[in-house]
């Protein structure tokens, strides 16, 4: 449940607006999230700074057949298998490149995304330039509250 909540929040945060700067090619620039561009722009001195990012890939599983299936189990199995197959196929070459670059990463099949833990501005630009990449955004570092924390906040605000 927590992973699903985290991924939904990540998806919402990834839908940020874009502004174009002269630092990167326009087609590549449009793939880099505005928050990440701001972070990079404020330290553009190539000081060796690294950022955690999420790379969203273009390929999406076709889940339309699930609507024609009778049981919830059939639908669930179909959706799971389709998402895993799509992510496995579409992430293969970029994961190989991340390994070549020596970058620690975590693939996610449910949203066809790869989290990369520390990446430089130049590496972000290289990855965004790939044809299979939809967007590169800053990792929002979302903190999921424990139930006891949420209840305490609720109590304190009343």
Protein backbone atom coordinates (compact mmCIF):
# COMPACT_ATOMS: atom_id res chain seq x y z
CA UNK A 1 0.00 0.00 0.00
CA UNK A 2 2.77 2.45 0.88
CA UNK A 3 4.59 1.80 -2.39
CA UNK A 4 1.39 2.42 -4.34
CA UNK A 5 0.75 5.67 -2.46
CA UNK A 6 4.36 6.76 -3.04
CA UNK A 7 4.16 5.99 -6.76
CA UNK A 8 0.86 7.84 -7.16
CA UNK A 9 2.36 10.91 -5.49
CA UNK A 10 5.45 10.61 -7.67
CA UNK A 11 3.28 10.48 -10.78
CA UNK A 12 1.42 13.62 -9.71
CA UNK A 13 4.67 15.47 -8.99
CA UNK A 14 6.11 14.46 -12.35
CA UNK A 15 3.45 16.42 -14.20
CA UNK A 16 5.19 19.77 -13.71
CA UNK A 17 5.34 22.59 -16.24
CA UNK A 18 8.42 23.32 -18.32
CA UNK A 19 10.44 26.43 -19.07
CA UNK A 20 13.24 26.47 -21.61
CA UNK A 21 16.75 27.69 -20.90
CA UNK A 22 19.64 28.05 -23.29
CA UNK A 23 21.82 25.53 -21.42
CA UNK A 24 20.41 22.43 -23.15
CA UNK A 25 19.03 21.59 -26.59
CA UNK A 26 15.29 22.50 -26.75
CA UNK A 27 14.11 18.91 -27.37
CA UNK A 28 16.20 17.64 -24.45
CA UNK A 29 15.24 20.63 -22.30
CA UNK A 30 11.55 19.82 -22.63
CA UNK A 31 12.18 16.38 -21.13
CA UNK A 32 13.80 17.72 -17.96
CA UNK A 33 11.34 18.65 -15.21
CA UNK A 34 11.22 22.31 -14.19
CA UNK A 35 12.17 21.68 -10.55
CA UNK A 36 15.22 19.69 -11.64
CA UNK A 37 16.21 22.38 -14.17
CA UNK A 38 16.01 24.98 -11.41
CA UNK A 39 18.21 22.87 -9.14
CA UNK A 40 20.74 22.35 -11.90
CA UNK A 41 20.61 26.02 -12.99
CA UNK A 42 21.37 27.27 -9.49
CA UNK A 43 24.61 25.24 -9.38
CA UNK A 44 25.58 25.12 -13.05
CA UNK A 45 29.28 25.51 -12.30
CA UNK A 46 29.94 21.79 -12.85
CA UNK A 47 31.00 21.53 -9.22
CA UNK A 48 30.48 17.78 -9.22
CA UNK A 49 27.01 18.11 -7.69
CA UNK A 50 24.74 15.09 -7.97
CA UNK A 51 20.95 14.86 -7.88
CA UNK A 52 18.52 11.99 -7.34
CA UNK A 53 16.22 11.72 -10.36
CA UNK A 54 13.42 9.65 -11.77
CA UNK A 55 13.52 8.67 -15.43
CA UNK A 56 10.08 8.06 -16.96
CA UNK A 57 10.15 5.93 -20.12
CA UNK A 58 7.89 6.45 -23.14
CA UNK A 59 6.59 2.91 -23.52
CA UNK A 60 3.30 2.15 -21.79
CA UNK A 61 1.59 -1.21 -21.50
CA UNK A 62 -1.67 -1.69 -23.42
CA UNK A 63 -4.07 -2.69 -20.67
CA UNK A 64 -7.27 -2.38 -22.72
CA UNK A 65 -7.84 -6.16 -22.85
CA UNK A 66 -8.28 -6.25 -19.08
CA UNK A 67 -11.74 -4.69 -19.48
CA UNK A 68 -12.92 -7.77 -21.38
CA UNK A 69 -11.85 -10.26 -18.70
CA UNK A 70 -14.37 -11.79 -16.36
CA UNK A 71 -12.65 -12.25 -13.03
CA UNK A 72 -10.68 -9.85 -10.89
CA UNK A 73 -7.89 -12.44 -10.70
CA UNK A 74 -7.63 -12.66 -14.51
CA UNK A 75 -7.55 -8.88 -14.80
CA UNK A 76 -4.95 -8.56 -12.06
CA UNK A 77 -2.71 -11.24 -13.55
CA UNK A 78 -3.02 -9.72 -17.03
CA UNK A 79 -2.24 -6.18 -15.85
CA UNK A 80 0.72 -7.33 -13.74
CA UNK A 81 2.19 -9.41 -16.56
CA UNK A 82 1.69 -6.63 -19.12
CA UNK A 83 3.30 -3.98 -16.90
CA UNK A 84 6.27 -6.20 -16.03
CA UNK A 85 6.78 -7.24 -19.68
CA UNK A 86 6.64 -3.64 -20.92
CA UNK A 87 9.05 -2.39 -18.27
CA UNK A 88 11.45 -5.30 -18.76
CA UNK A 89 11.57 -4.74 -22.52
CA UNK A 90 11.73 -0.95 -22.52
CA UNK A 91 14.14 -0.55 -19.58
CA UNK A 92 16.72 -3.05 -20.83
CA UNK A 93 18.93 -0.68 -22.83
CA UNK A 94 18.78 2.28 -20.45
CA UNK A 95 19.61 0.03 -17.50
CA UNK A 96 22.61 -1.26 -19.46
CA UNK A 97 23.70 2.35 -20.00
CA UNK A 98 23.20 3.23 -16.32
CA UNK A 99 25.41 0.27 -15.39
CA UNK A 100 28.07 1.42 -17.89
CA UNK A 101 27.95 4.87 -16.27
CA UNK A 102 28.32 3.29 -12.82
CA UNK A 103 25.05 4.80 -11.57
CA UNK A 104 23.04 3.21 -8.77
CA UNK A 105 19.42 2.82 -9.81
CA UNK A 106 16.12 1.14 -8.97
CA UNK A 107 13.69 0.14 -11.75
CA UNK A 108 9.92 0.28 -11.19
CA UNK A 109 7.70 -1.78 -13.44
CA UNK A 110 4.37 -0.42 -12.22
CA UNK A 111 4.97 3.02 -13.77
CA UNK A 112 7.84 2.17 -16.16
CA UNK A 113 10.25 4.44 -14.36
CA UNK A 114 13.81 4.17 -13.05
CA UNK A 115 15.04 6.01 -9.97
CA UNK A 116 18.71 7.03 -10.23
CA UNK A 117 20.24 7.96 -6.91
CA UNK A 118 23.10 10.31 -7.86
CA UNK A 119 23.53 11.78 -11.31
CA UNK A 120 25.39 14.86 -12.61
CA UNK A 121 23.95 17.59 -14.82
CA UNK A 122 25.81 16.22 -17.85
CA UNK A 123 24.48 12.72 -17.19
CA UNK A 124 20.94 14.08 -16.82
CA UNK A 125 21.25 15.74 -20.22
CA UNK A 126 22.62 12.55 -21.80
CA UNK A 127 19.80 10.47 -20.38
CA UNK A 128 17.12 13.01 -21.36
CA UNK A 129 18.44 12.99 -24.94
CA UNK A 130 17.57 9.31 -25.33
CA UNK A 131 14.68 8.49 -27.65
CA UNK A 132 13.13 6.07 -25.13
CA UNK A 133 12.98 8.65 -22.32
CA UNK A 134 9.78 10.61 -21.74
CA UNK A 135 10.91 12.78 -18.81
CA UNK A 136 13.65 13.17 -16.23
CA UNK A 137 12.41 14.75 -13.00
CA UNK A 138 13.77 15.48 -9.55
CA UNK A 139 13.09 12.79 -6.99
CA UNK A 140 10.67 14.54 -4.63
CA UNK A 141 11.85 12.70 -1.49
CA UNK A 142 8.32 12.02 -0.31
CA UNK A 143 7.94 11.06 3.33
CA UNK A 144 5.04 8.77 4.14
CA UNK A 145 3.72 9.42 7.64
CA UNK A 146 3.11 6.63 10.06
CA UNK A 147 -0.49 6.41 11.25
CA UNK A 148 0.50 7.60 14.74
CA UNK A 149 2.17 10.74 13.28
CA UNK A 150 -0.90 11.52 11.17
CA UNK A 151 -3.21 11.11 14.17
CA UNK A 152 -0.99 13.35 16.29
CA UNK A 153 -1.03 16.07 13.61
CA UNK A 154 -4.77 15.78 13.31
CA UNK A 155 -5.18 16.08 17.08
CA UNK A 156 -2.78 19.04 17.31
CA UNK A 157 -4.63 20.98 14.59
CA UNK A 158 -8.03 20.71 16.32
